[in-house]
């Protein structure tokens, strides 16, 4: 009899475990308590929360456990302003979408439709001109020049938004030939975008001095440009 009881216990325990797992799975995949009730969107400035929700394809009432977060993120990533996106579950009923947008620093003027350029020199949006961004004059097919001009503008804005606001344009006929133009005909020649933070600081300093044309290609020794 004792042996029979032990035998029953041996097979009853795994059966009980299986039953518990099945019940738990049914609760997760069927229970209305784990359906999507809200979709929270964070990190947007140019995109609206509704645009992000629509692009994600997430609908209220979907089962949260079966939600394809990769597909939702892929949908949002196709929005032009999206640089990166993460979609996650927040149990029991919330989907969270965290968006990082491109940092628009310039609009490329290459004779065609305006193309918005981010801080890394990537062209991510055409046909619009966002408020406050600066004109970049360069060839669209010269990625080095576009990136150099964008890097210069990004460094200036990171240092001093007021200084960035004064920039009229960034001209870049080549990657090593960036020129920032300011009101009243003032110009600051950067050369390349190497040591961008130092050159941004040098730009801020020389614009407090007399002189219309400056060279900060060596930011430790800025000079009047002939």
Foldseek 3Di string as FASTA:
>chain_A
DVVVVVVVVVVVVVVVVVVVVVVVVCCQQPPQQQWADEEAEDADDPDDPVVLCVQLVRDGRHRNVPDDQVSSQVSNCPPLQFPGWGWDDDPRHYIYIYTHGFAFAEWEDAPDFTFTAGLQLDGRDTNDDDPQHEYEYEHPVQSLQSRQQSPLLVLLCVVPVVSSSQWHYWYGPHQQWIKTAGPPQAIETQRHCPVSNLLSVLVVVCVVDDARYKYCVVSVDIDHDD
